[in-house]
Protein backbone atom coordinates (compact mmCIF):
# COMPACT_ATOMS: atom_id res chain seq x y z
CA MET A 1 -39.21 38.84 -73.95
CA THR A 2 -43.11 38.57 -74.14
CA ARG A 3 -44.76 41.51 -72.35
CA CYS A 4 -47.16 40.49 -69.72
CA SER A 5 -50.58 42.02 -69.05
CA PRO A 6 -50.85 43.84 -65.54
CA ARG A 7 -52.94 41.02 -64.29
CA THR A 8 -50.50 38.43 -65.43
CA VAL A 9 -47.70 40.37 -63.78
CA LEU A 10 -49.26 40.55 -60.41
CA HIS A 11 -50.04 36.78 -60.45
CA ARG A 12 -46.46 36.26 -61.36
CA ALA A 13 -45.31 38.65 -58.74
CA ALA A 14 -47.22 36.75 -56.15
CA GLY A 15 -45.38 33.64 -57.16
CA SER A 16 -46.75 30.68 -55.51
CA PHE A 17 -49.17 33.07 -53.66
CA ALA A 18 -52.02 32.31 -56.04
CA ALA A 19 -50.73 29.19 -57.81
CA ALA A 20 -50.40 27.34 -54.56
CA GLY A 21 -53.94 28.05 -53.51
CA LEU A 22 -55.06 24.49 -54.21
CA LEU A 23 -56.09 22.62 -51.08
CA ALA A 24 -52.78 20.85 -51.10
CA ALA A 25 -49.36 21.72 -52.62
CA VAL A 26 -48.59 20.71 -56.31
CA SER A 27 -46.74 17.45 -56.48
CA LEU A 28 -44.42 17.21 -59.26
CA ALA A 29 -43.19 13.55 -58.76
CA GLY A 30 -45.10 10.30 -58.39
CA ALA A 31 -43.82 6.91 -57.19
CA ALA A 32 -40.23 6.02 -57.97
CA ALA A 33 -39.68 4.82 -61.54
CA PRO A 34 -38.17 1.27 -61.91
CA ALA A 35 -34.55 1.06 -62.87
CA GLN A 36 -34.00 1.86 -66.62
CA ALA A 37 -31.12 1.57 -68.92
CA ALA A 38 -28.69 4.61 -68.69
CA ASP A 39 -29.66 5.93 -72.13
CA THR A 40 -33.54 5.61 -71.59
CA PRO A 41 -35.20 8.91 -70.91
CA VAL A 42 -37.50 9.06 -67.86
CA PHE A 43 -40.43 11.55 -68.07
CA THR A 44 -42.35 12.73 -64.94
CA PHE A 45 -46.01 13.68 -64.62
CA GLY A 46 -47.08 16.69 -62.46
CA GLY A 47 -50.31 18.32 -61.22
CA PRO A 48 -52.22 19.21 -58.07
CA ALA A 49 -51.94 16.69 -55.22
CA GLU A 50 -55.59 17.28 -54.44
CA THR A 51 -58.55 19.21 -55.95
CA ALA A 52 -61.85 20.10 -54.21
CA LEU A 53 -65.13 19.60 -56.03
CA HIS A 54 -68.29 21.61 -55.60
CA PRO A 55 -71.03 19.31 -54.14
CA TYR A 56 -73.54 17.94 -56.43
CA PRO A 57 -76.47 20.52 -56.39
CA GLU A 58 -80.03 19.71 -55.43
CA SER A 59 -81.18 21.30 -58.76
CA GLY A 60 -79.47 22.55 -61.78
CA ARG A 61 -76.11 21.39 -63.41
CA PRO A 62 -73.13 20.73 -61.16
CA GLU A 63 -70.27 23.25 -61.16
CA SER A 64 -66.97 21.96 -62.71
CA SER A 65 -63.37 22.46 -61.72
CA GLN A 66 -60.45 22.09 -64.03
CA PHE A 67 -56.78 21.26 -63.59
CA GLY A 68 -53.80 20.27 -65.76
CA ILE A 69 -51.55 17.21 -65.81
CA THR A 70 -48.16 18.07 -67.07
CA LEU A 71 -45.26 16.01 -68.52
CA TYR A 72 -41.75 16.96 -67.74
CA ASN A 73 -38.71 16.14 -69.83
CA PRO A 74 -35.61 16.71 -67.75
CA SER A 75 -33.17 17.02 -70.68
CA GLU A 76 -31.15 20.34 -70.76
CA ASP A 77 -30.41 20.02 -74.35
CA GLU A 78 -33.04 22.00 -76.03
CA GLU A 79 -32.01 21.15 -79.62
CA ASN A 80 -31.33 17.42 -79.29
CA GLY A 81 -33.03 16.52 -75.92
CA GLY A 82 -36.55 15.91 -77.32
CA PHE A 83 -38.15 12.70 -77.51
CA GLY A 84 -39.44 12.10 -81.04
CA GLY A 85 -41.72 9.26 -80.81
CA ASP A 86 -45.40 8.15 -80.14
CA TYR A 87 -46.46 7.83 -76.54
CA THR A 88 -49.69 6.71 -74.90
CA LEU A 89 -51.08 8.16 -71.51
CA THR A 90 -53.50 6.09 -69.56
CA PHE A 91 -55.84 7.60 -66.85
CA ASP A 92 -57.17 5.08 -64.32
CA LEU A 93 -60.48 6.58 -63.25
CA SER A 94 -61.86 3.57 -61.21
CA GLY A 95 -60.78 5.26 -58.03
CA VAL A 96 -63.23 8.19 -58.50
CA ALA A 97 -66.19 6.06 -59.55
CA GLY A 98 -69.24 7.49 -57.86
CA VAL A 99 -67.27 10.41 -56.59
CA ALA A 100 -66.56 12.41 -59.71
CA ASP A 101 -67.24 12.60 -63.41
CA VAL A 102 -64.17 13.36 -65.51
CA LYS A 103 -63.81 14.67 -69.03
CA ILE A 104 -60.70 15.65 -70.81
CA ASP A 105 -60.47 19.00 -72.68
CA GLY A 106 -59.95 18.04 -76.22
CA GLU A 107 -59.04 21.47 -77.33
CA SER A 108 -55.88 21.79 -75.24
CA GLY A 109 -54.54 18.13 -75.13
CA PRO A 110 -53.82 15.15 -77.32
CA ASP A 111 -56.47 12.79 -78.88
CA CYS A 112 -58.13 11.09 -75.96
CA THR A 113 -60.95 8.47 -75.63
CA ILE A 114 -62.64 7.61 -72.34
CA THR A 115 -64.20 4.00 -72.08
CA GLY A 116 -65.76 3.22 -68.71
CA THR A 117 -63.19 3.93 -66.00
CA LYS A 118 -60.29 4.42 -68.27
CA ALA A 119 -59.09 7.28 -70.45
CA VAL A 120 -56.38 6.69 -73.18
CA CYS A 121 -54.60 9.60 -74.78
CA GLU A 122 -52.19 9.35 -77.72
CA ASP A 123 -49.62 11.93 -78.79
CA TRP A 124 -46.19 12.53 -80.37
CA GLY A 125 -43.10 14.25 -79.11
CA ILE A 126 -41.92 15.27 -75.58
CA TRP A 127 -39.69 18.39 -75.64
CA PRO A 128 -37.19 19.47 -72.93
CA GLY A 129 -38.92 21.14 -69.97
CA SER A 130 -42.59 21.09 -68.95
CA GLN A 131 -45.54 20.69 -71.24
CA THR A 132 -49.29 20.10 -70.77
CA ALA A 133 -50.20 16.48 -71.04
CA ALA A 134 -53.93 16.87 -70.61
CA ASP A 135 -56.50 19.20 -69.05
CA LEU A 136 -59.22 17.47 -66.85
CA VAL A 137 -62.57 18.87 -66.39
CA VAL A 138 -64.07 17.31 -63.28
CA THR A 139 -67.52 17.52 -61.43
CA ALA A 140 -69.00 15.79 -58.39
CA ALA A 141 -70.85 12.67 -59.44
CA ASP A 142 -74.69 12.46 -59.02
CA GLY A 143 -75.30 10.80 -55.67
CA SER A 144 -71.98 11.73 -54.20
CA GLU A 145 -71.92 13.20 -50.70
CA ASN A 146 -69.73 15.79 -49.01
CA GLY A 147 -66.36 14.29 -47.91
CA ASP A 148 -66.44 11.52 -50.60
CA THR A 149 -62.99 11.11 -51.99
CA GLY A 150 -60.98 9.06 -54.57
CA THR A 151 -57.84 9.18 -56.69
CA ILE A 152 -56.85 9.23 -60.44
CA THR A 153 -53.70 7.50 -61.43
CA VAL A 154 -51.70 8.60 -64.60
CA THR A 155 -49.30 6.22 -66.35
CA GLY A 156 -47.39 6.53 -69.71
CA GLN A 157 -46.03 4.12 -72.22
CA ALA A 158 -43.62 4.56 -75.21
CA ASP A 159 -41.05 2.56 -77.00
CA GLY A 160 -37.52 3.73 -75.80
CA ALA A 161 -38.87 5.86 -72.82
CA ALA A 162 -40.25 5.39 -69.29
CA PHE A 163 -42.70 7.37 -67.18
CA THR A 164 -43.08 7.90 -63.47
CA PRO A 165 -46.78 7.23 -62.44
CA PHE A 166 -48.71 9.98 -60.84
CA THR A 167 -51.73 10.07 -58.47
CA THR A 168 -54.03 13.08 -57.76
CA ARG A 169 -56.90 13.00 -55.35
CA LEU A 170 -60.44 14.40 -55.85
CA THR A 171 -62.59 15.36 -52.83
CA VAL A 172 -66.21 16.41 -52.81
CA GLY A 173 -66.57 19.63 -50.71
CA GLY A 174 -64.15 21.34 -48.41
CA PRO A 175 -63.28 24.74 -46.95
CA ASP A 176 -63.47 27.58 -49.26
CA LEU A 177 -61.58 30.49 -47.79
CA VAL A 178 -62.47 33.74 -49.47
CA MET A 179 -60.62 36.98 -48.95
CA GLU A 180 -62.73 40.22 -48.61
CA GLN A 181 -61.34 43.37 -50.45
CA LEU A 182 -60.11 46.01 -48.02
CA PRO A 183 -61.45 49.64 -48.41
CA LEU A 184 -57.94 51.11 -48.49
CA ARG A 185 -56.95 54.73 -49.40
CA THR A 186 -54.69 54.47 -52.56
CA GLU A 187 -53.59 58.06 -52.94
CA LEU A 188 -51.05 58.57 -50.12
CA ASN A 189 -48.23 60.75 -48.79
CA PRO A 190 -44.97 59.47 -47.47
CA GLY A 191 -45.31 58.38 -43.81
CA GLU A 192 -49.05 58.00 -43.96
CA LYS A 193 -50.50 55.01 -42.18
CA GLN A 194 -53.88 53.29 -42.35
CA PRO A 195 -55.47 50.22 -40.68
CA ALA A 196 -55.86 47.00 -42.69
CA PRO A 197 -58.58 44.98 -40.96
CA ILE A 198 -58.08 41.78 -42.95
CA THR A 199 -61.41 39.98 -43.25
CA PHE A 200 -62.14 36.49 -44.76
CA ALA A 201 -64.94 33.93 -44.86
CA ASN A 202 -65.17 30.21 -45.06
CA ARG A 203 -67.90 29.63 -47.79
CA GLY A 204 -67.06 26.00 -48.17
CA THR A 205 -68.75 22.73 -46.83
CA ARG A 206 -66.43 21.92 -43.99
CA ASP A 207 -64.33 23.76 -41.38
CA ALA A 208 -60.81 24.88 -41.91
CA ASP A 209 -58.25 23.63 -39.29
CA GLY A 210 -56.10 26.68 -39.06
CA VAL A 211 -55.47 29.34 -41.74
CA LEU A 212 -52.25 30.59 -43.45
CA LEU A 213 -52.51 34.37 -43.99
CA THR A 214 -50.05 35.60 -46.63
CA LEU A 215 -49.09 39.18 -46.99
CA ARG A 216 -46.80 40.58 -49.69
CA TYR A 217 -46.01 44.37 -50.19
CA SER A 218 -43.46 46.05 -52.39
CA HIS A 219 -40.44 48.15 -51.55
CA GLY A 220 -42.30 51.35 -50.66
CA LEU A 221 -44.72 49.87 -48.24
CA ASP A 222 -44.28 48.50 -44.67
CA ILE A 223 -46.35 46.65 -42.07
CA PRO A 224 -44.31 47.50 -38.96
CA GLN A 225 -45.82 44.71 -36.74
CA ARG A 226 -43.73 41.58 -36.49
CA TYR A 227 -45.81 38.76 -35.03
CA SER A 228 -44.40 35.61 -33.29
CA ASN A 229 -46.70 33.32 -35.36
CA CYS A 230 -45.51 34.99 -38.62
CA GLU A 231 -42.35 34.40 -40.62
CA TYR A 232 -40.83 37.13 -42.86
CA THR A 233 -38.58 37.27 -45.82
CA VAL A 234 -37.38 40.16 -48.11
CA GLY A 235 -36.83 39.61 -51.90
CA ASP A 236 -38.21 37.23 -54.51
CA PRO A 237 -36.15 34.77 -56.57
CA ASP A 238 -38.38 35.48 -59.54
CA LEU A 239 -38.68 39.23 -59.29
CA PRO A 240 -35.65 40.46 -57.08
CA ASP A 241 -35.98 44.02 -58.39
CA PHE A 242 -39.28 44.52 -56.62
CA GLY A 243 -37.79 44.07 -53.16
CA TRP A 244 -41.01 42.22 -51.95
CA THR A 245 -41.55 41.70 -48.24
CA THR A 246 -43.60 38.52 -47.68
CA ALA A 247 -45.14 37.45 -44.30
CA LEU A 248 -46.53 33.95 -43.70
CA CYS A 249 -48.82 33.94 -40.53
CA SER A 250 -50.02 30.59 -39.23
CA VAL A 251 -53.35 31.39 -37.39
CA GLU A 252 -54.60 28.55 -35.18
CA GLY A 253 -58.35 27.81 -34.67
CA ALA A 254 -61.30 26.00 -36.25
CA PHE A 255 -62.75 28.37 -38.86
CA GLU A 256 -66.40 27.22 -39.45
CA ALA A 257 -68.01 26.82 -42.86
CA GLY A 258 -70.34 29.80 -43.41
CA ALA A 259 -68.63 32.05 -41.03
CA THR A 260 -66.71 35.31 -41.47
CA TYR A 261 -63.52 36.33 -39.48
CA THR A 262 -61.30 39.36 -39.08
CA LEU A 263 -58.16 40.04 -37.31
CA ALA A 264 -58.37 40.71 -33.51
CA THR A 265 -56.22 43.78 -34.17
CA PRO A 266 -56.10 45.45 -37.55
CA LEU A 267 -52.69 45.53 -39.30
CA THR A 268 -51.00 48.92 -39.99
CA LEU A 269 -50.05 49.60 -43.53
CA GLU A 270 -47.54 52.41 -44.08
CA ALA A 271 -46.36 54.34 -47.04
CA THR A 272 -42.65 54.81 -46.22
CA GLU A 273 -40.47 57.74 -47.27
CA ARG A 274 -39.44 55.85 -50.41
CA ALA A 275 -42.95 54.95 -51.56
CA TYR A 276 -44.08 55.89 -55.10
CA TYR A 277 -45.92 53.08 -57.14
CA ASP A 278 -46.56 50.24 -54.75
CA THR A 279 -48.65 47.10 -54.51
CA PHE A 280 -50.07 45.04 -51.55
CA LEU A 281 -51.27 41.44 -51.90
CA TYR A 282 -52.99 39.58 -49.19
CA GLY A 283 -54.37 36.03 -49.29
CA ILE A 284 -55.78 33.32 -47.18
CA HIS A 285 -55.39 29.46 -47.41
CA GLU A 286 -55.94 26.49 -45.10
CA ASN A 287 -52.89 25.91 -43.05
CA SER A 288 -50.79 22.96 -43.78
CA ALA A 289 -47.15 21.79 -44.02
CA ALA A 290 -47.57 21.37 -47.73
CA GLN A 291 -49.23 24.87 -48.03
CA ARG A 292 -46.49 26.53 -46.07
CA THR A 293 -43.75 24.87 -48.14
CA ALA A 294 -45.39 25.90 -51.37
CA GLN A 295 -45.72 29.51 -50.18
CA ARG A 296 -42.15 29.74 -48.99
CA ALA A 297 -40.89 28.66 -52.45
CA GLY A 298 -37.44 27.84 -51.07
CA ALA A 299 -36.80 31.44 -49.74
CA PRO A 300 -35.18 31.89 -46.25
CA TYR A 301 -37.68 33.20 -43.52
CA GLU A 302 -37.07 34.78 -40.18
CA GLN A 303 -39.62 34.34 -37.35
CA GLY A 304 -41.21 37.43 -35.81
CA THR A 305 -40.71 38.27 -32.15
CA GLY A 306 -43.83 40.23 -31.30
CA GLY A 307 -47.38 39.21 -30.17
CA VAL A 308 -49.63 36.60 -31.61
CA LEU A 309 -51.74 37.42 -34.65
CA LYS A 310 -55.35 36.15 -33.97
CA ALA A 311 -58.55 36.02 -36.02
CA VAL A 312 -61.95 36.37 -34.41
CA PRO A 313 -65.55 36.15 -35.67
CA ALA A 314 -66.57 39.27 -37.54
CA LYS A 315 -69.45 41.46 -36.35
CA LYS A 316 -72.80 40.79 -37.94
CA GLY A 317 -73.12 42.50 -41.35
CA ALA A 318 -69.59 41.80 -42.44
CA ALA A 319 -69.67 39.84 -45.67
CA ALA A 320 -67.12 38.38 -48.19
CA ARG A 321 -67.68 37.62 -51.81
CA GLY A 322 -69.77 34.84 -53.17
CA THR A 323 -69.18 31.14 -52.73
CA ASP A 324 -66.39 29.70 -54.77
CA LEU A 325 -64.20 26.58 -54.29
CA THR A 326 -61.51 27.74 -56.77
CA PRO A 327 -58.22 28.92 -55.29
CA TYR A 328 -58.28 32.16 -57.13
CA ASP A 329 -60.66 33.89 -54.86
CA ASN A 330 -58.25 33.45 -51.88
CA GLN A 331 -56.29 36.61 -52.77
CA GLN A 332 -56.80 40.37 -53.12
CA GLU A 333 -54.52 43.23 -54.13
CA ALA A 334 -54.30 46.84 -54.05
CA ASP A 335 -52.26 49.42 -55.99
CA PHE A 336 -51.02 52.73 -54.39
CA ARG A 337 -49.67 55.97 -55.67
CA THR A 338 -47.70 58.07 -53.02
CA GLU A 339 -46.99 61.86 -53.70
CA ASN A 340 -43.32 61.54 -53.70
CA THR A 341 -40.08 62.26 -55.85
CA ALA A 342 -36.91 60.71 -56.87
CA ASP A 343 -33.79 62.54 -57.82
CA PHE A 344 -31.93 60.82 -60.70
CA VAL A 345 -28.32 62.22 -60.78
CA ALA A 346 -26.32 61.67 -63.88
CA TYR A 347 -22.52 61.14 -63.71
CA GLY A 348 -19.90 61.33 -66.39
CA ASP A 349 -16.12 60.54 -66.46
CA GLU A 350 -12.76 61.98 -67.49
CA VAL A 351 -10.33 59.81 -69.49
CA ALA A 352 -6.99 60.37 -71.16
CA GLY A 353 -5.20 58.50 -73.85
CA THR A 354 -2.81 58.90 -76.74
CA GLU A 355 -4.04 58.76 -80.34
CA GLY A 356 -4.82 55.17 -81.22
CA SER A 357 -5.14 54.00 -77.74
CA PHE A 358 -8.16 52.46 -75.96
CA VAL A 359 -9.70 53.90 -72.73
CA ARG A 360 -12.53 52.75 -70.52
CA ALA A 361 -15.34 55.17 -69.48
CA ASP A 362 -17.79 54.67 -66.60
CA ILE A 363 -20.90 56.60 -66.85
CA GLY A 364 -24.44 56.37 -65.64
CA PHE A 365 -26.75 57.62 -62.91
CA ARG A 366 -27.71 57.27 -59.25
CA ASN A 367 -31.20 57.51 -57.62
CA GLU A 368 -30.73 59.86 -54.79
CA GLY A 369 -34.09 59.23 -53.57
CA PRO A 370 -36.12 59.54 -51.62
CA ALA A 371 -38.46 57.37 -53.58
CA TRP A 372 -37.82 54.15 -55.38
CA ILE A 373 -39.48 53.87 -58.86
CA GLY A 374 -41.02 50.66 -59.94
CA HIS A 375 -43.45 49.93 -62.80
CA ILE A 376 -44.85 46.72 -61.28
CA ARG A 377 -47.96 46.66 -63.36
CA SER A 378 -46.81 47.79 -66.88
CA ARG A 379 -43.21 46.34 -66.54
CA GLU A 380 -42.03 49.32 -68.55
CA ASP A 381 -38.34 50.51 -68.16
CA VAL A 382 -38.09 53.43 -65.77
CA ALA A 383 -35.50 55.61 -67.62
CA THR A 384 -32.86 55.72 -70.36
CA VAL A 385 -29.34 56.92 -70.23
CA ASP A 386 -28.75 58.77 -73.49
CA PHE A 387 -24.96 58.97 -74.24
CA THR A 388 -23.49 61.10 -77.00
CA VAL A 389 -19.83 59.91 -78.00
CA PRO A 390 -17.11 62.59 -77.69
CA GLN A 391 -15.51 63.96 -80.88
CA GLY A 392 -12.39 62.25 -81.82
CA ALA A 393 -13.43 58.89 -80.31
CA SER A 394 -15.26 55.77 -81.41
CA VAL A 395 -16.96 53.05 -79.25
CA THR A 396 -15.29 49.67 -79.48
CA SER A 397 -17.26 47.93 -76.71
CA LYS A 398 -20.66 48.71 -75.19
CA PRO A 399 -22.93 47.30 -72.60
CA GLU A 400 -25.20 44.67 -73.70
CA ARG A 401 -28.34 46.65 -72.66
CA CYS A 402 -27.22 49.66 -74.91
CA ARG A 403 -28.30 50.10 -78.51
CA ALA A 404 -26.67 52.14 -81.06
CA VAL A 405 -28.63 55.04 -82.80
CA THR A 406 -27.90 57.86 -85.21
CA ALA A 407 -26.76 61.28 -84.07
CA ASP A 408 -30.28 62.45 -83.93
CA GLY A 409 -31.59 59.43 -82.05
CA LYS A 410 -32.94 57.46 -85.08
CA TYR A 411 -33.11 53.79 -85.55
CA ARG A 412 -29.68 52.29 -86.55
CA GLY A 413 -29.58 48.75 -88.03
CA ASP A 414 -26.00 48.18 -87.62
CA GLN A 415 -25.20 47.52 -83.96
CA ASN A 416 -21.68 46.28 -84.42
CA SER A 417 -19.80 49.22 -85.84
CA PRO A 418 -19.20 52.44 -83.81
CA ALA A 419 -22.01 54.86 -83.49
CA PRO A 420 -22.26 58.51 -82.63
CA ARG A 421 -24.90 57.87 -79.90
CA TYR A 422 -26.22 55.18 -77.54
CA PHE A 423 -29.55 54.61 -75.60
CA CYS A 424 -29.32 52.36 -72.47
CA ASN A 425 -32.61 51.46 -70.77
CA THR A 426 -32.84 50.62 -67.10
CA SER A 427 -35.00 47.77 -65.97
CA MET A 428 -38.69 48.25 -64.67
CA THR A 429 -37.41 49.30 -61.26
CA VAL A 430 -34.79 51.67 -59.91
CA ARG A 431 -34.30 51.36 -56.14
CA ASP A 432 -33.47 54.33 -53.86
CA GLY A 433 -29.75 54.40 -53.56
CA ALA A 434 -29.24 52.50 -56.69
CA GLY A 435 -28.99 53.29 -60.33
CA LEU A 436 -27.34 52.20 -63.58
CA ASP A 437 -23.58 51.87 -64.08
CA LEU A 438 -22.31 51.46 -67.61
CA SER A 439 -18.87 50.80 -68.94
CA PHE A 440 -17.83 51.70 -72.52
CA GLU A 441 -14.57 51.07 -74.14
CA LEU A 442 -13.46 53.84 -76.55
CA ARG A 443 -10.74 54.23 -79.19
CA VAL A 444 -8.91 57.62 -79.31
CA ASP A 445 -9.08 58.24 -82.95
CA LYS A 446 -7.77 61.83 -82.83
CA ALA A 447 -6.07 63.52 -79.89
CA MET A 448 -8.13 66.53 -78.86
CA VAL A 449 -8.24 68.66 -75.76
CA GLY A 450 -11.42 68.77 -73.77
CA ALA A 451 -13.69 66.91 -76.14
CA SER A 452 -16.91 65.95 -74.38
CA GLY A 453 -19.82 63.72 -74.84
CA GLU A 454 -23.18 64.26 -73.11
CA VAL A 455 -24.63 61.76 -70.54
CA THR A 456 -28.23 62.27 -69.86
CA VAL A 457 -30.76 60.28 -67.89
CA ARG A 458 -34.25 60.89 -69.26
CA HIS A 459 -37.57 59.40 -69.87
CA THR A 460 -37.61 56.49 -72.26
CA PHE A 461 -39.69 58.56 -74.82
CA LEU A 462 -37.11 60.84 -76.58
CA LYS A 463 -39.78 63.32 -77.59
CA ASP A 464 -40.79 63.65 -73.99
CA PRO A 465 -37.63 63.47 -71.98
CA LYS A 466 -38.58 64.84 -68.72
CA LEU A 467 -38.69 62.41 -65.82
CA PRO A 468 -42.09 63.09 -64.23
CA PHE A 469 -41.02 62.07 -60.77
CA ASP A 470 -37.65 64.09 -60.76
CA PRO A 471 -37.85 67.74 -59.43
CA LYS A 472 -34.25 68.50 -60.21
CA PRO A 473 -33.68 68.24 -64.03
CA ALA A 474 -30.40 70.33 -63.60
CA ASN A 475 -28.47 67.26 -62.53
CA ASN A 476 -30.00 64.88 -65.22
CA THR A 477 -26.98 65.64 -67.46
CA ALA A 478 -23.24 65.14 -67.06
CA TYR A 479 -20.29 64.85 -69.39
CA LEU A 480 -17.57 62.42 -70.45
CA ILE A 481 -14.45 64.57 -71.02
CA LEU A 482 -11.91 62.99 -73.29
CA ASN A 483 -8.32 64.69 -73.07
CA GLY A 484 -5.93 63.54 -75.81
CA GLU A 485 -2.41 63.15 -75.01
CA GLY A 486 -1.25 65.27 -78.03
CA ASP A 487 0.42 68.75 -78.09
CA GLY A 488 -3.00 70.57 -78.05
CA SER A 489 -2.62 71.89 -81.66
CA ASP A 490 -5.65 69.99 -82.74
CA SER A 491 -7.78 70.84 -79.71
CA GLY A 492 -11.57 71.04 -80.10
CA GLY A 493 -14.26 72.48 -77.84
CA ALA A 494 -16.46 70.55 -75.53
CA THR A 495 -20.06 69.86 -76.78
CA ALA A 496 -22.63 72.35 -75.80
CA GLY A 497 -24.15 71.56 -72.33
CA GLY A 498 -27.06 72.87 -70.25
CA ASP A 499 -28.49 73.09 -66.92
CA GLY A 500 -31.30 70.53 -67.69
CA GLY A 501 -33.83 73.35 -67.75
CA SER A 502 -33.36 74.67 -64.24
CA GLY A 503 -32.82 78.21 -65.57
CA GLY A 504 -29.23 78.61 -64.36
CA PRO A 505 -25.93 76.75 -63.70
CA SER A 506 -25.19 75.10 -60.57
CA THR A 507 -21.84 73.98 -58.91
CA PRO A 508 -21.05 70.41 -60.25
CA PRO A 509 -19.71 67.69 -57.87
CA THR A 510 -16.28 66.48 -58.78
CA SER A 511 -17.05 62.72 -58.40
CA ALA A 512 -19.87 60.32 -59.17
CA PRO A 513 -22.58 59.96 -56.56
CA ASP A 514 -21.36 57.54 -53.84
CA PRO A 515 -24.01 54.80 -53.10
CA GLU A 516 -22.58 54.55 -49.62
CA GLU A 517 -23.57 58.10 -49.00
CA SER A 518 -26.85 58.03 -50.64
CA PRO A 519 -29.47 60.32 -48.75
CA SER A 520 -31.74 57.22 -48.82
CA GLY A 521 -29.31 55.29 -46.83
CA THR A 522 -30.08 52.16 -48.84
CA ALA A 523 -26.86 51.55 -50.81
CA GLY A 524 -26.33 48.13 -52.07
CA SER A 525 -29.77 47.41 -53.33
CA SER A 526 -30.72 47.94 -56.89
CA GLY A 527 -33.48 47.41 -59.38
CA SER A 528 -31.15 47.91 -62.32
CA THR A 529 -27.79 46.07 -63.20
CA THR A 530 -24.45 47.25 -64.21
CA SER A 531 -23.09 46.48 -67.70
CA GLY A 532 -21.19 43.52 -66.08
CA GLY A 533 -24.46 42.09 -64.68
CA SER A 534 -23.84 42.80 -61.07
CA SER A 535 -26.27 44.96 -59.06
CA ALA A 536 -25.92 48.74 -59.43
CA GLY A 537 -25.02 50.58 -56.26
CA THR A 538 -23.05 47.68 -54.62
CA ALA A 539 -19.55 48.13 -53.25
CA GLY A 540 -18.30 46.45 -56.28
CA GLY A 541 -19.78 48.91 -58.67
CA SER A 542 -17.62 51.14 -60.90
CA GLY A 543 -18.46 54.28 -59.20
CA GLY A 544 -17.38 56.19 -62.32
CA GLY A 545 -13.73 56.20 -61.40
CA LEU A 546 -10.68 54.98 -63.35
CA ALA A 547 -7.67 54.45 -61.06
CA SER A 548 -5.38 53.52 -63.90
CA THR A 549 -5.82 56.99 -65.40
CA GLY A 550 -6.34 59.14 -62.39
CA SER A 551 -9.89 59.96 -63.71
CA VAL A 552 -12.69 61.34 -61.72
CA ALA A 553 -16.49 61.53 -62.57
CA LEU A 554 -17.71 65.04 -63.69
CA ILE A 555 -21.23 66.08 -63.19
CA ALA A 556 -21.85 69.23 -65.24
CA SER A 557 -24.79 71.50 -65.52
CA GLY A 558 -23.23 74.82 -66.66
CA THR A 559 -22.66 76.25 -70.22
CA ALA A 560 -20.43 74.81 -72.92
CA ALA A 561 -17.73 77.27 -71.84
CA ALA A 562 -17.74 75.87 -68.37
CA ALA A 563 -17.51 72.33 -69.79
CA LEU A 564 -14.51 73.40 -72.02
CA ALA A 565 -12.81 75.05 -69.03
CA ALA A 566 -13.18 72.09 -66.88
CA GLY A 567 -11.83 69.85 -69.70
CA LEU A 568 -8.65 72.08 -70.03
CA VAL A 569 -8.00 71.95 -66.31
CA LEU A 570 -8.39 68.15 -66.16
CA PHE A 571 -6.27 67.69 -69.26
CA THR A 572 -3.44 69.73 -67.53
CA ALA A 573 -3.82 67.74 -64.40
CA ALA A 574 -3.58 64.45 -66.31
CA ARG A 575 -0.42 65.74 -68.18
CA ARG A 576 1.20 66.68 -64.87
CA ARG A 577 0.42 63.11 -63.43
CA ALA A 578 1.70 61.54 -66.49
CA ALA A 579 5.00 63.57 -66.22
CA ARG A 580 5.37 62.49 -62.66
CA HIS A 581 5.18 58.89 -63.58
CA SER A 582 7.33 58.97 -66.64
């Protein structure tokens, strides 16, 4: 997967938050296409429904705007669904004569020629999915006036294919809602609150009839007020791991061109007990049904029940940034670092099987909080589960996210045959109360008593394994105990363990951390997935137990002798259970 830059990540995290900042929502379909033969492909144009133009200046060169026209091939067959033929696109510019001057960016699109009020572009090949048809560069025409408007119509022609026409509107002038950056404190402590006096300006050429305030904040932040003219949703279809909360607030009023406004009562931004790395995005758009639909992006929203959120003229001296009719100045963002910790607790398993048999082992870790850990900007994985296979066993099936390595953790090209060690990375977030559950299938090659393999949750860098946010390294390591069903004559000792650097052993729990009893109280939500693809920490998670073998998870932090003793006790219990059921 291509790694995104921090700026790209946040624009993606905002979803339609920034992309929908055009004066009207993006329209992906034009007029209905005429009936076509069943085997004739039909391609659809897309682009902004409307674009605002900077008025023609009294002196100097006019400022341009740019937008793209896309072409969509609905075929789901990526290998054979492409259209391998020539096609022609025609842009009818007669509707914007005297309103706008139009050029086509030759570097990003096909070969195009503009003659009078018509532009013709020729190209070859339309692949499944969406692709750029042409990028248009537009400026207000000399002599145009504020409020002048017109349309451009795009059509296509090709042998053996059909195109739905598309129309986009250009308007000279318009409101330009610009969000002011808040002077927020970004180094916080859990429970700390601060005011967020949202302030915005209309630097455009006409009034805005109502505004839509959009607030998005990640899992560790909260705005406790729930206004009746706001609607709220938790989660993001594109980035579910982040646990975004989104508020869309429709604020009534005529917001005059040239004026600056602020909220009648500042919002309260709180760093919750689970805060660590967090982000707050806040933006402003002109309110409309199309804009609300674009911002909702199909997610379910719930109306607030509190008072009404209002905006009032700001005091003299308040100022926003410079004039700009582009939608990208409608949004601001802030990153926070909260002084907090997260306790990652490893868990192992105990399995029993005869020589030559296959057993399933469930291992992993749970985030016992209080903080969630999310690398929103860098998108780096939070941690790695480092698993050493017990003596006398070989892995026959591993989770997809795990990669085989050599015994000393070096690269291993062969990922199909059994390896002595496996590294399993989390995703870029691990929610409080969640974690990573991993299921391995092992073959018992040699029956041994109390053979053990180490399960450690650590930093993704092997040379620097310490988790910087975890104050309890003693419980970062657990063991997978393998008790052969032999007569014990070929018994071997457990691998050497440790207390994770705490300086002394501690009493290990006898079962995996239960997400339903997490100190964070947020069981069932996760930023990592189980080996089967479901959310870690849900009721359907493995929990580290094996009912068929009577196994329990073992978290160990003592010495090798303690691990061996535990293995012998568990082996004896397993033998007794087997005898009772024979």
